[in-house]
């Protein structure tokens, strides 16, 4: 039977997660991390959260979230996860949990169901073949998972593949051709350095030119609050960024993105920005970096040049509800 969420299921869901979701690389849950990711999220709704019970035992867990303030939130519900016990991983059980989520989304007036990186319930996962180095968010469905093949069979369309990339910073160094690129940019009046509010200006104009609301919010907040951000400046006017420069407790270098204002492209600034960011992370004792990018994003060449390797792929998926 499918039941909507009650607190009494918490430990059983944690146990289920630590038995099954970890097989797809997700980080184990504790009571504290379950509350942090799910129960205390402002987007958590017990009517969007379901368990599958068999003989009174929790054999499945599904969670979704909605919010009109989320990207696409006025028309879409987000699938956060669907997890089933190994012996209960039948198409019928996946379908029962999926339909529960979809019916809830439709009852709230949503026109489609999404699995994508804007989901505010962020699921950490481990980088394969490392000493439990972790990434803070899964940007979709792991393409090697049972859930991925099931969603395809149910009419979900793969809209993009996200490459999860990783670099052990102990192996990073900036090659001479990047130094040369930086010197050439400097000859055209461009400097790549840490943002200094007493020296630099134009952050908001640069961010608006990049047309990315998430960057506009996060990088704007970092520069206004003194969190280090690597920037490219032309005559002290900010024209690009990489960062922010934040070492997380687990030793990972947090990465929001990299961008150069369209009017200042063509000077190699994106590449120089990223290498300067890696150097800035090394300088504060950061152990590793991980990030994800679209498989067709030209920036992937910059990351590969720095030594990053693709370690996992995730699918961004959508299903539009029939009218």
C-alpha atoms as a PDB file:
ATOM      1  CA  UNK A   1       0.000   0.000   0.000  1.00  0.00           C
ATOM      2  CA  UNK A   2       1.071   3.587  -0.661  1.00  0.00           C
ATOM      3  CA  UNK A   3       0.929   5.958   2.318  1.00  0.00           C
ATOM      4  CA  UNK A   4       1.681   9.650   2.550  1.00  0.00           C
ATOM      5  CA  UNK A   5       4.458  10.708   4.861  1.00  0.00           C
ATOM      6  CA  UNK A   6       4.425  10.334   8.639  1.00  0.00           C
ATOM      7  CA  UNK A   7       7.396  10.876  10.959  1.00  0.00           C
ATOM      8  CA  UNK A   8       7.183   7.301  12.193  1.00  0.00           C
ATOM      9  CA  UNK A   9       8.654   6.138   8.856  1.00  0.00           C
ATOM     10  CA  UNK A  10      11.872   8.136   9.244  1.00  0.00           C
ATOM     11  CA  UNK A  11      14.247   5.450  10.513  1.00  0.00           C
ATOM     12  CA  UNK A  12      12.909   2.812   8.132  1.00  0.00           C
ATOM     13  CA  UNK A  13      13.429   5.164   5.180  1.00  0.00           C
ATOM     14  CA  UNK A  14      16.966   5.938   6.349  1.00  0.00           C
ATOM     15  CA  UNK A  15      17.670   2.203   6.557  1.00  0.00           C
ATOM     16  CA  UNK A  16      16.192   1.660   3.098  1.00  0.00           C
ATOM     17  CA  UNK A  17      18.260   4.501   1.658  1.00  0.00           C
ATOM     18  CA  UNK A  18      21.469   3.190   3.216  1.00  0.00           C
ATOM     19  CA  UNK A  19      20.790  -0.252   1.789  1.00  0.00           C
ATOM     20  CA  UNK A  20      19.641   0.671  -1.722  1.00  0.00           C
ATOM     21  CA  UNK A  21      20.292   4.293  -2.746  1.00  0.00           C
ATOM     22  CA  UNK A  22      23.971   3.941  -1.866  1.00  0.00           C
ATOM     23  CA  UNK A  23      24.239   1.363  -4.659  1.00  0.00           C
ATOM     24  CA  UNK A  24      23.741   4.235  -7.107  1.00  0.00           C
ATOM     25  CA  UNK A  25      26.487   6.186  -5.370  1.00  0.00           C
ATOM     26  CA  UNK A  26      24.411   8.384  -3.068  1.00  0.00           C
ATOM     27  CA  UNK A  27      25.832   9.296   0.326  1.00  0.00           C
ATOM     28  CA  UNK A  28      24.451   7.487   3.362  1.00  0.00           C
ATOM     29  CA  UNK A  29      21.733   9.229   5.370  1.00  0.00           C
ATOM     30  CA  UNK A  30      21.756   9.867   9.102  1.00  0.00           C
ATOM     31  CA  UNK A  31      18.829  11.173  11.087  1.00  0.00           C
ATOM     32  CA  UNK A  32      20.469  14.598  11.018  1.00  0.00           C
ATOM     33  CA  UNK A  33      21.097  14.628   7.264  1.00  0.00           C
ATOM     34  CA  UNK A  34      17.590  13.285   6.562  1.00  0.00           C
ATOM     35  CA  UNK A  35      16.130  16.212   8.443  1.00  0.00           C
ATOM     36  CA  UNK A  36      18.500  18.628   6.734  1.00  0.00           C
ATOM     37  CA  UNK A  37      17.790  17.405   3.191  1.00  0.00           C
ATOM     38  CA  UNK A  38      14.141  16.475   3.485  1.00  0.00           C
ATOM     39  CA  UNK A  39      12.127  17.173   6.621  1.00  0.00           C
ATOM     40  CA  UNK A  40      13.375  20.683   7.388  1.00  0.00           C
ATOM     41  CA  UNK A  41      13.392  21.879   3.778  1.00  0.00           C
ATOM     42  CA  UNK A  42      10.916  24.724   3.160  1.00  0.00           C
ATOM     43  CA  UNK A  43       9.837  22.724   0.107  1.00  0.00           C
ATOM     44  CA  UNK A  44       9.090  19.518   2.025  1.00  0.00           C
ATOM     45  CA  UNK A  45       5.410  18.583   1.958  1.00  0.00           C
ATOM     46  CA  UNK A  46       4.173  15.318   3.404  1.00  0.00           C
ATOM     47  CA  UNK A  47       1.536  15.244   0.657  1.00  0.00           C
ATOM     48  CA  UNK A  48       4.407  15.101  -1.887  1.00  0.00           C
ATOM     49  CA  UNK A  49       6.152  12.287   0.020  1.00  0.00           C
ATOM     50  CA  UNK A  50       5.187   8.621  -0.075  1.00  0.00           C
ATOM     51  CA  UNK A  51       6.170   5.232   1.306  1.00  0.00           C
ATOM     52  CA  UNK A  52       5.355   1.797  -0.045  1.00  0.00           C
ATOM     53  CA  UNK A  53       4.388  -0.620   2.722  1.00  0.00           C
ATOM     54  CA  UNK A  54       4.412  -4.408   2.402  1.00  0.00           C
ATOM     55  CA  UNK A  55       3.318  -6.388   5.474  1.00  0.00           C
ATOM     56  CA  UNK A  56       3.755  -3.222   7.495  1.00  0.00           C
ATOM     57  CA  UNK A  57       7.370  -2.780   6.385  1.00  0.00           C
ATOM     58  CA  UNK A  58       8.705   0.183   4.394  1.00  0.00           C
ATOM     59  CA  UNK A  59       9.814  -1.142   1.015  1.00  0.00           C
ATOM     60  CA  UNK A  60       9.777   2.070  -1.019  1.00  0.00           C
ATOM     61  CA  UNK A  61      10.200   5.814  -0.634  1.00  0.00           C
ATOM     62  CA  UNK A  62       9.398   8.615  -3.057  1.00  0.00           C
ATOM     63  CA  UNK A  63       9.708  12.330  -2.556  1.00  0.00           C
ATOM     64  CA  UNK A  64       8.922  15.285  -4.758  1.00  0.00           C
ATOM     65  CA  UNK A  65       8.701  19.006  -4.228  1.00  0.00           C
ATOM     66  CA  UNK A  66       6.896  21.989  -5.645  1.00  0.00           C
ATOM     67  CA  UNK A  67       7.114  25.729  -5.311  1.00  0.00           C
ATOM     68  CA  UNK A  68       6.026  28.561  -7.559  1.00  0.00           C
ATOM     69  CA  UNK A  69       9.251  30.404  -6.713  1.00  0.00           C
ATOM     70  CA  UNK A  70      11.396  27.602  -8.167  1.00  0.00           C
ATOM     71  CA  UNK A  71      12.595  27.701 -11.778  1.00  0.00           C
ATOM     72  CA  UNK A  72       9.694  26.297 -13.832  1.00  0.00           C
ATOM     73  CA  UNK A  73       7.897  25.998 -10.501  1.00  0.00           C
ATOM     74  CA  UNK A  74       4.603  27.427 -11.687  1.00  0.00           C
ATOM     75  CA  UNK A  75       4.202  24.626 -14.226  1.00  0.00           C
ATOM     76  CA  UNK A  76       6.365  21.785 -12.909  1.00  0.00           C
ATOM     77  CA  UNK A  77       6.744  19.460  -9.967  1.00  0.00           C
ATOM     78  CA  UNK A  78      10.203  18.082  -9.183  1.00  0.00           C
ATOM     79  CA  UNK A  79      10.959  14.413  -8.538  1.00  0.00           C
ATOM     80  CA  UNK A  80      13.638  14.222  -5.839  1.00  0.00           C
ATOM     81  CA  UNK A  81      13.968  10.456  -5.507  1.00  0.00           C
ATOM     82  CA  UNK A  82      12.281   7.087  -5.860  1.00  0.00           C
ATOM     83  CA  UNK A  83      13.951   4.274  -3.911  1.00  0.00           C
ATOM     84  CA  UNK A  84      12.819   0.667  -3.603  1.00  0.00           C
ATOM     85  CA  UNK A  85      14.088  -2.357  -1.719  1.00  0.00           C
ATOM     86  CA  UNK A  86      15.882  -4.742  -4.074  1.00  0.00           C
ATOM     87  CA  UNK A  87      13.227  -7.443  -3.832  1.00  0.00           C
ATOM     88  CA  UNK A  88      10.490  -4.871  -4.458  1.00  0.00           C
ATOM     89  CA  UNK A  89      12.066  -3.270  -7.540  1.00  0.00           C
ATOM     90  CA  UNK A  90       9.341  -4.175  -9.989  1.00  0.00           C
ATOM     91  CA  UNK A  91       7.932  -1.945 -12.702  1.00  0.00           C
ATOM     92  CA  UNK A  92       4.599  -2.114 -10.879  1.00  0.00           C
ATOM     93  CA  UNK A  93       6.051  -0.717  -7.653  1.00  0.00           C
ATOM     94  CA  UNK A  94       8.054   1.984  -9.420  1.00  0.00           C
ATOM     95  CA  UNK A  95       4.888   2.931 -11.276  1.00  0.00           C
ATOM     96  CA  UNK A  96       2.806   3.106  -8.102  1.00  0.00           C
ATOM     97  CA  UNK A  97       5.241   5.523  -6.477  1.00  0.00           C
ATOM     98  CA  UNK A  98       5.715   7.560  -9.645  1.00  0.00           C
ATOM     99  CA  UNK A  99       1.965   7.877 -10.193  1.00  0.00           C
ATOM    100  CA  UNK A 100       1.535   9.021  -6.600  1.00  0.00           C
ATOM    101  CA  UNK A 101       3.967  11.864  -7.232  1.00  0.00           C
ATOM    102  CA  UNK A 102       2.484  12.761 -10.601  1.00  0.00           C
ATOM    103  CA  UNK A 103      -1.090  12.807  -9.321  1.00  0.00           C
ATOM    104  CA  UNK A 104      -0.031  15.104  -6.504  1.00  0.00           C
ATOM    105  CA  UNK A 105       1.693  17.438  -8.975  1.00  0.00           C
ATOM    106  CA  UNK A 106      -1.407  17.490 -11.156  1.00  0.00           C
ATOM    107  CA  UNK A 107      -3.660  18.159  -8.156  1.00  0.00           C
ATOM    108  CA  UNK A 108      -1.527  21.242  -7.526  1.00  0.00           C
ATOM    109  CA  UNK A 109      -2.087  22.397 -11.100  1.00  0.00           C
ATOM    110  CA  UNK A 110       1.311  21.398 -12.501  1.00  0.00           C
ATOM    111  CA  UNK A 111       1.551  20.553 -16.182  1.00  0.00           C
ATOM    112  CA  UNK A 112       4.762  18.520 -16.131  1.00  0.00           C
ATOM    113  CA  UNK A 113       7.123  16.490 -13.980  1.00  0.00           C
ATOM    114  CA  UNK A 114      10.858  17.236 -13.929  1.00  0.00           C
ATOM    115  CA  UNK A 115      14.080  15.667 -12.716  1.00  0.00           C
ATOM    116  CA  UNK A 116      16.706  18.407 -12.886  1.00  0.00           C
ATOM    117  CA  UNK A 117      19.445  20.325 -11.109  1.00  0.00           C
ATOM    118  CA  UNK A 118      17.195  23.129  -9.841  1.00  0.00           C
ATOM    119  CA  UNK A 119      15.718  20.778  -7.231  1.00  0.00           C
ATOM    120  CA  UNK A 120      16.289  22.448  -3.827  1.00  0.00           C
ATOM    121  CA  UNK A 121      16.445  19.070  -2.053  1.00  0.00           C
ATOM    122  CA  UNK A 122      20.073  18.363  -2.878  1.00  0.00           C
ATOM    123  CA  UNK A 123      21.261  14.747  -2.698  1.00  0.00           C
ATOM    124  CA  UNK A 124      25.017  14.321  -2.067  1.00  0.00           C
ATOM    125  CA  UNK A 125      26.844  11.435  -3.752  1.00  0.00           C
ATOM    126  CA  UNK A 126      30.319   9.948  -3.693  1.00  0.00           C
ATOM    127  CA  UNK A 127      32.884  10.380  -6.449  1.00  0.00           C
ATOM    128  CA  UNK A 128      33.660   6.847  -7.710  1.00  0.00           C
ATOM    129  CA  UNK A 129      37.098   5.398  -6.908  1.00  0.00           C
ATOM    130  CA  UNK A 130      37.962   8.020  -4.287  1.00  0.00           C
ATOM    131  CA  UNK A 131      38.215   8.021  -0.497  1.00  0.00           C
ATOM    132  CA  UNK A 132      34.567   9.088  -0.229  1.00  0.00           C
ATOM    133  CA  UNK A 133      35.103  12.444  -1.860  1.00  0.00           C
ATOM    134  CA  UNK A 134      31.616  13.779  -2.401  1.00  0.00           C
ATOM    135  CA  UNK A 135      29.604  16.146  -4.543  1.00  0.00           C
ATOM    136  CA  UNK A 136      26.850  18.159  -2.901  1.00  0.00           C
ATOM    137  CA  UNK A 137      24.066  17.636  -5.421  1.00  0.00           C
ATOM    138  CA  UNK A 138      22.838  15.155  -7.999  1.00  0.00           C
ATOM    139  CA  UNK A 139      21.826  17.125 -11.115  1.00  0.00           C
ATOM    140  CA  UNK A 140      19.439  14.478 -12.414  1.00  0.00           C
ATOM    141  CA  UNK A 141      18.982  10.716 -12.576  1.00  0.00           C
ATOM    142  CA  UNK A 142      22.152   8.567 -12.731  1.00  0.00           C
ATOM    143  CA  UNK A 143      22.131   7.087 -16.226  1.00  0.00           C
ATOM    144  CA  UNK A 144      23.327   3.725 -14.917  1.00  0.00           C
ATOM    145  CA  UNK A 145      20.427   3.428 -12.459  1.00  0.00           C
ATOM    146  CA  UNK A 146      17.282   1.318 -12.559  1.00  0.00           C
ATOM    147  CA  UNK A 147      15.199   4.479 -12.116  1.00  0.00           C
ATOM    148  CA  UNK A 148      16.616   6.012 -15.295  1.00  0.00           C
ATOM    149  CA  UNK A 149      15.565   3.097 -17.510  1.00  0.00           C
ATOM    150  CA  UNK A 150      12.162   2.979 -15.820  1.00  0.00           C
ATOM    151  CA  UNK A 151      11.458   6.677 -16.407  1.00  0.00           C
ATOM    152  CA  UNK A 152      12.373   6.277 -20.072  1.00  0.00           C
ATOM    153  CA  UNK A 153       9.888   3.423 -20.350  1.00  0.00           C
ATOM    154  CA  UNK A 154       7.212   5.638 -18.794  1.00  0.00           C
ATOM    155  CA  UNK A 155       7.581   8.344 -21.422  1.00  0.00           C
ATOM    156  CA  UNK A 156      10.061  10.631 -19.702  1.00  0.00           C
ATOM    157  CA  UNK A 157      12.234  12.431 -22.230  1.00  0.00           C
ATOM    158  CA  UNK A 158      15.933  12.893 -21.645  1.00  0.00           C
ATOM    159  CA  UNK A 159      16.441  16.610 -22.218  1.00  0.00           C
ATOM    160  CA  UNK A 160      20.153  16.737 -21.462  1.00  0.00           C
ATOM    161  CA  UNK A 161      23.034  14.749 -20.059  1.00  0.00           C
ATOM    162  CA  UNK A 162      25.089  16.308 -17.278  1.00  0.00           C
ATOM    163  CA  UNK A 163      28.718  15.226 -16.926  1.00  0.00           C
ATOM    164  CA  UNK A 164      29.942  15.076 -13.345  1.00  0.00           C
ATOM    165  CA  UNK A 165      33.648  15.945 -13.360  1.00  0.00           C
ATOM    166  CA  UNK A 166      36.355  15.584 -10.727  1.00  0.00           C
ATOM    167  CA  UNK A 167      39.923  16.727 -10.043  1.00  0.00           C
ATOM    168  CA  UNK A 168      42.284  15.901  -7.201  1.00  0.00           C
ATOM    169  CA  UNK A 169      43.910  19.306  -6.688  1.00  0.00           C
ATOM    170  CA  UNK A 170      47.184  17.718  -5.600  1.00  0.00           C
ATOM    171  CA  UNK A 171      47.640  16.891  -9.278  1.00  0.00           C
ATOM    172  CA  UNK A 172      46.806  20.372 -10.579  1.00  0.00           C
ATOM    173  CA  UNK A 173      49.273  22.850 -12.043  1.00  0.00           C
ATOM    174  CA  UNK A 174      48.883  25.728 -14.477  1.00  0.00           C
ATOM    175  CA  UNK A 175      50.741  25.083 -17.750  1.00  0.00           C
ATOM    176  CA  UNK A 176      52.805  27.749 -19.491  1.00  0.00           C
ATOM    177  CA  UNK A 177      50.348  28.226 -22.360  1.00  0.00           C
ATOM    178  CA  UNK A 178      47.737  29.401 -19.836  1.00  0.00           C
ATOM    179  CA  UNK A 179      50.271  31.825 -18.342  1.00  0.00           C
ATOM    180  CA  UNK A 180      50.869  33.099 -21.878  1.00  0.00           C
ATOM    181  CA  UNK A 181      47.123  33.490 -22.402  1.00  0.00           C
ATOM    182  CA  UNK A 182      46.894  35.526 -19.199  1.00  0.00           C
ATOM    183  CA  UNK A 183      49.758  37.776 -20.317  1.00  0.00           C
ATOM    184  CA  UNK A 184      48.128  38.332 -23.702  1.00  0.00           C
ATOM    185  CA  UNK A 185      44.826  39.271 -22.031  1.00  0.00           C
ATOM    186  CA  UNK A 186      46.741  41.692 -19.804  1.00  0.00           C
ATOM    187  CA  UNK A 187      48.130  43.391 -22.901  1.00  0.00           C
ATOM    188  CA  UNK A 188      44.510  44.143 -23.850  1.00  0.00           C
ATOM    189  CA  UNK A 189      43.832  45.605 -20.417  1.00  0.00           C
ATOM    190  CA  UNK A 190      42.334  42.545 -18.683  1.00  0.00           C
ATOM    191  CA  UNK A 191      43.314  41.449 -15.180  1.00  0.00           C
ATOM    192  CA  UNK A 192      42.207  38.197 -13.538  1.00  0.00           C
ATOM    193  CA  UNK A 193      42.343  38.363  -9.748  1.00  0.00           C
ATOM    194  CA  UNK A 194      40.263  38.157  -6.574  1.00  0.00           C
ATOM    195  CA  UNK A 195      37.409  40.637  -6.347  1.00  0.00           C
ATOM    196  CA  UNK A 196      38.146  43.740  -4.262  1.00  0.00           C
ATOM    197  CA  UNK A 197      35.158  45.964  -3.534  1.00  0.00           C
ATOM    198  CA  UNK A 198      37.460  48.944  -3.014  1.00  0.00           C
ATOM    199  CA  UNK A 199      38.931  48.504  -6.479  1.00  0.00           C
ATOM    200  CA  UNK A 200      36.425  46.793  -8.752  1.00  0.00           C
ATOM    201  CA  UNK A 201      32.944  47.784  -9.898  1.00  0.00           C
ATOM    202  CA  UNK A 202      30.198  46.577 -12.239  1.00  0.00           C
ATOM    203  CA  UNK A 203      29.450  43.149 -10.755  1.00  0.00           C
ATOM    204  CA  UNK A 204      25.689  43.504 -11.201  1.00  0.00           C
ATOM    205  CA  UNK A 205      26.004  44.649 -14.816  1.00  0.00           C
ATOM    206  CA  UNK A 206      28.263  41.699 -15.579  1.00  0.00           C
ATOM    207  CA  UNK A 207      25.882  39.214 -13.959  1.00  0.00           C
ATOM    208  CA  UNK A 208      22.830  40.655 -15.704  1.00  0.00           C
ATOM    209  CA  UNK A 209      24.664  40.294 -19.006  1.00  0.00           C
ATOM    210  CA  UNK A 210      25.136  36.581 -18.331  1.00  0.00           C
ATOM    211  CA  UNK A 211      21.359  36.129 -17.920  1.00  0.00           C
ATOM    212  CA  UNK A 212      21.611  33.480 -15.197  1.00  0.00           C
ATOM    213  CA  UNK A 213      19.337  34.246 -12.204  1.00  0.00           C
ATOM    214  CA  UNK A 214      21.109  31.733  -9.956  1.00  0.00           C
ATOM    215  CA  UNK A 215      24.528  33.282 -10.596  1.00  0.00           C
ATOM    216  CA  UNK A 216      23.075  36.746 -10.218  1.00  0.00           C
ATOM    217  CA  UNK A 217      21.788  35.864  -6.776  1.00  0.00           C
ATOM    218  CA  UNK A 218      24.711  33.796  -5.473  1.00  0.00           C
ATOM    219  CA  UNK A 219      27.715  35.627  -6.924  1.00  0.00           C
ATOM    220  CA  UNK A 220      26.115  38.985  -6.192  1.00  0.00           C
ATOM    221  CA  UNK A 221      25.676  37.921  -2.572  1.00  0.00           C
ATOM    222  CA  UNK A 222      29.254  36.624  -2.309  1.00  0.00           C
ATOM    223  CA  UNK A 223      30.842  39.805  -3.660  1.00  0.00           C
ATOM    224  CA  UNK A 224      28.670  42.001  -1.437  1.00  0.00           C
ATOM    225  CA  UNK A 225      29.501  39.960   1.687  1.00  0.00           C
ATOM    226  CA  UNK A 226      33.239  39.615   1.096  1.00  0.00           C
ATOM    227  CA  UNK A 227      33.302  35.945   0.094  1.00  0.00           C
ATOM    228  CA  UNK A 228      36.265  35.515  -2.302  1.00  0.00           C
ATOM    229  CA  UNK A 229      35.402  35.346  -5.998  1.00  0.00           C
ATOM    230  CA  UNK A 230      37.880  35.243  -8.887  1.00  0.00           C
ATOM    231  CA  UNK A 231      36.989  37.944 -11.423  1.00  0.00           C
ATOM    232  CA  UNK A 232      38.182  39.269 -14.748  1.00  0.00           C
ATOM    233  CA  UNK A 233      38.269  43.056 -14.939  1.00  0.00           C
ATOM    234  CA  UNK A 234      38.830  45.557 -17.730  1.00  0.00           C
ATOM    235  CA  UNK A 235      39.968  48.898 -16.325  1.00  0.00           C
ATOM    236  CA  UNK A 236      38.622  47.656 -12.952  1.00  0.00           C
ATOM    237  CA  UNK A 237      35.176  46.955 -14.396  1.00  0.00           C
ATOM    238  CA  UNK A 238      34.172  43.354 -13.707  1.00  0.00           C
ATOM    239  CA  UNK A 239      33.483  41.456 -16.936  1.00  0.00           C
ATOM    240  CA  UNK A 240      33.673  37.820 -15.791  1.00  0.00           C
ATOM    241  CA  UNK A 241      33.857  35.539 -12.761  1.00  0.00           C
ATOM    242  CA  UNK A 242      34.711  32.064 -11.519  1.00  0.00           C
ATOM    243  CA  UNK A 243      33.895  30.724  -8.097  1.00  0.00           C
ATOM    244  CA  UNK A 244      33.207  31.469  -5.346  1.00  0.00           C
ATOM    245  CA  UNK A 245      36.348  30.348  -3.490  1.00  0.00           C
ATOM    246  CA  UNK A 246      34.847  28.320  -0.646  1.00  0.00           C
ATOM    247  CA  UNK A 247      36.484  25.246   0.885  1.00  0.00           C
ATOM    248  CA  UNK A 248      33.772  22.995   2.297  1.00  0.00           C
ATOM    249  CA  UNK A 249      34.271  21.014   5.516  1.00  0.00           C
ATOM    250  CA  UNK A 250      34.793  17.796   3.565  1.00  0.00           C
ATOM    251  CA  UNK A 251      37.724  19.362   1.697  1.00  0.00           C
ATOM    252  CA  UNK A 252      35.844  20.012  -1.542  1.00  0.00           C
ATOM    253  CA  UNK A 253      36.092  23.266  -3.445  1.00  0.00           C
ATOM    254  CA  UNK A 254      32.577  24.593  -3.898  1.00  0.00           C
ATOM    255  CA  UNK A 255      31.852  25.733  -7.465  1.00  0.00           C
ATOM    256  CA  UNK A 256      28.869  27.783  -8.627  1.00  0.00           C
ATOM    257  CA  UNK A 257      30.050  28.520 -12.147  1.00  0.00           C
ATOM    258  CA  UNK A 258      32.130  30.496 -14.580  1.00  0.00           C
ATOM    259  CA  UNK A 259      31.035  33.196 -16.993  1.00  0.00           C
ATOM    260  CA  UNK A 260      32.321  36.018 -19.170  1.00  0.00           C
ATOM    261  CA  UNK A 261      30.143  38.905 -20.358  1.00  0.00           C
ATOM    262  CA  UNK A 262      29.397  38.427 -24.098  1.00  0.00           C
ATOM    263  CA  UNK A 263      30.972  41.786 -24.944  1.00  0.00           C
ATOM    264  CA  UNK A 264      34.318  40.581 -23.593  1.00  0.00           C
ATOM    265  CA  UNK A 265      34.557  37.101 -25.060  1.00  0.00           C
ATOM    266  CA  UNK A 266      37.403  36.117 -27.344  1.00  0.00           C
ATOM    267  CA  UNK A 267      40.288  36.955 -25.007  1.00  0.00           C
ATOM    268  CA  UNK A 268      40.636  33.545 -23.353  1.00  0.00           C
ATOM    269  CA  UNK A 269      39.251  34.928 -20.098  1.00  0.00           C
ATOM    270  CA  UNK A 270      37.114  31.885 -19.299  1.00  0.00           C
ATOM    271  CA  UNK A 271      40.130  29.592 -19.345  1.00  0.00           C
ATOM    272  CA  UNK A 272      42.310  31.949 -17.311  1.00  0.00           C
ATOM    273  CA  UNK A 273      39.513  32.506 -14.785  1.00  0.00           C
ATOM    274  CA  UNK A 274      39.099  28.802 -14.184  1.00  0.00           C
ATOM    275  CA  UNK A 275      42.809  28.087 -13.771  1.00  0.00           C
ATOM    276  CA  UNK A 276      43.083  31.025 -11.365  1.00  0.00           C
ATOM    277  CA  UNK A 277      40.175  29.560  -9.416  1.00  0.00           C
ATOM    278  CA  UNK A 278      41.943  26.202  -9.111  1.00  0.00           C
ATOM    279  CA  UNK A 279      45.052  28.015  -7.876  1.00  0.00           C
ATOM    280  CA  UNK A 280      42.971  29.939  -5.320  1.00  0.00           C
ATOM    281  CA  UNK A 281      41.549  26.660  -4.010  1.00  0.00           C
ATOM    282  CA  UNK A 282      45.011  25.152  -3.728  1.00  0.00           C
ATOM    283  CA  UNK A 283      46.137  28.206  -1.770  1.00  0.00           C
ATOM    284  CA  UNK A 284      43.534  27.581   0.961  1.00  0.00           C
ATOM    285  CA  UNK A 285      44.242  23.862   1.277  1.00  0.00           C
ATOM    286  CA  UNK A 286      41.341  22.495  -0.759  1.00  0.00           C
ATOM    287  CA  UNK A 287      41.704  18.795  -1.512  1.00  0.00           C
ATOM    288  CA  UNK A 288      39.568  18.368  -4.604  1.00  0.00           C
ATOM    289  CA  UNK A 289      36.989  19.909  -6.880  1.00  0.00           C
ATOM    290  CA  UNK A 290      33.895  18.457  -8.472  1.00  0.00           C
ATOM    291  CA  UNK A 291      31.382  20.042 -10.803  1.00  0.00           C
ATOM    292  CA  UNK A 292      28.869  19.136 -13.442  1.00  0.00           C
ATOM    293  CA  UNK A 293      28.331  20.538 -16.904  1.00  0.00           C
ATOM    294  CA  UNK A 294      26.258  19.768 -19.966  1.00  0.00           C
ATOM    295  CA  UNK A 295      27.816  17.206 -22.272  1.00  0.00           C
ATOM    296  CA  UNK A 296      27.719  19.757 -25.126  1.00  0.00           C
ATOM    297  CA  UNK A 297      28.834  22.775 -23.062  1.00  0.00           C
ATOM    298  CA  UNK A 298      32.025  24.262 -24.613  1.00  0.00           C
ATOM    299  CA  UNK A 299      33.328  24.880 -21.061  1.00  0.00           C
ATOM    300  CA  UNK A 300      33.943  21.149 -20.754  1.00  0.00           C
ATOM    301  CA  UNK A 301      37.141  21.677 -22.760  1.00  0.00           C
ATOM    302  CA  UNK A 302      38.390  24.152 -20.138  1.00  0.00           C
ATOM    303  CA  UNK A 303      37.738  21.661 -17.346  1.00  0.00           C
ATOM    304  CA  UNK A 304      39.456  18.851 -19.226  1.00  0.00           C
ATOM    305  CA  UNK A 305      42.445  21.121 -19.916  1.00  0.00           C
ATOM    306  CA  UNK A 306      42.747  21.617 -16.144  1.00  0.00           C
ATOM    307  CA  UNK A 307      42.802  17.841 -15.630  1.00  0.00           C
ATOM    308  CA  UNK A 308      39.167  17.142 -14.757  1.00  0.00           C
ATOM    309  CA  UNK A 309      37.717  13.794 -15.785  1.00  0.00           C
ATOM    310  CA  UNK A 310      34.077  12.776 -16.212  1.00  0.00           C
ATOM    311  CA  UNK A 311      33.279  10.300 -13.428  1.00  0.00           C
ATOM    312  CA  UNK A 312      29.493   9.956 -13.716  1.00  0.00           C
ATOM    313  CA  UNK A 313      26.613  11.038 -15.955  1.00  0.00           C
ATOM    314  CA  UNK A 314      23.155  12.200 -14.954  1.00  0.00           C
ATOM    315  CA  UNK A 315      20.060  12.701 -17.113  1.00  0.00           C
ATOM    316  CA  UNK A 316      17.781  15.730 -16.929  1.00  0.00           C
ATOM    317  CA  UNK A 317      14.293  14.372 -17.664  1.00  0.00           C
ATOM    318  CA  UNK A 318      10.767  15.625 -18.234  1.00  0.00           C
ATOM    319  CA  UNK A 319       7.299  14.288 -18.788  1.00  0.00           C
ATOM    320  CA  UNK A 320       4.450  16.553 -19.827  1.00  0.00           C
ATOM    321  CA  UNK A 321       1.055  15.525 -18.526  1.00  0.00           C
ATOM    322  CA  UNK A 322      -1.615  14.852 -21.120  1.00  0.00           C
ATOM    323  CA  UNK A 323      -4.529  17.269 -21.091  1.00  0.00           C
END
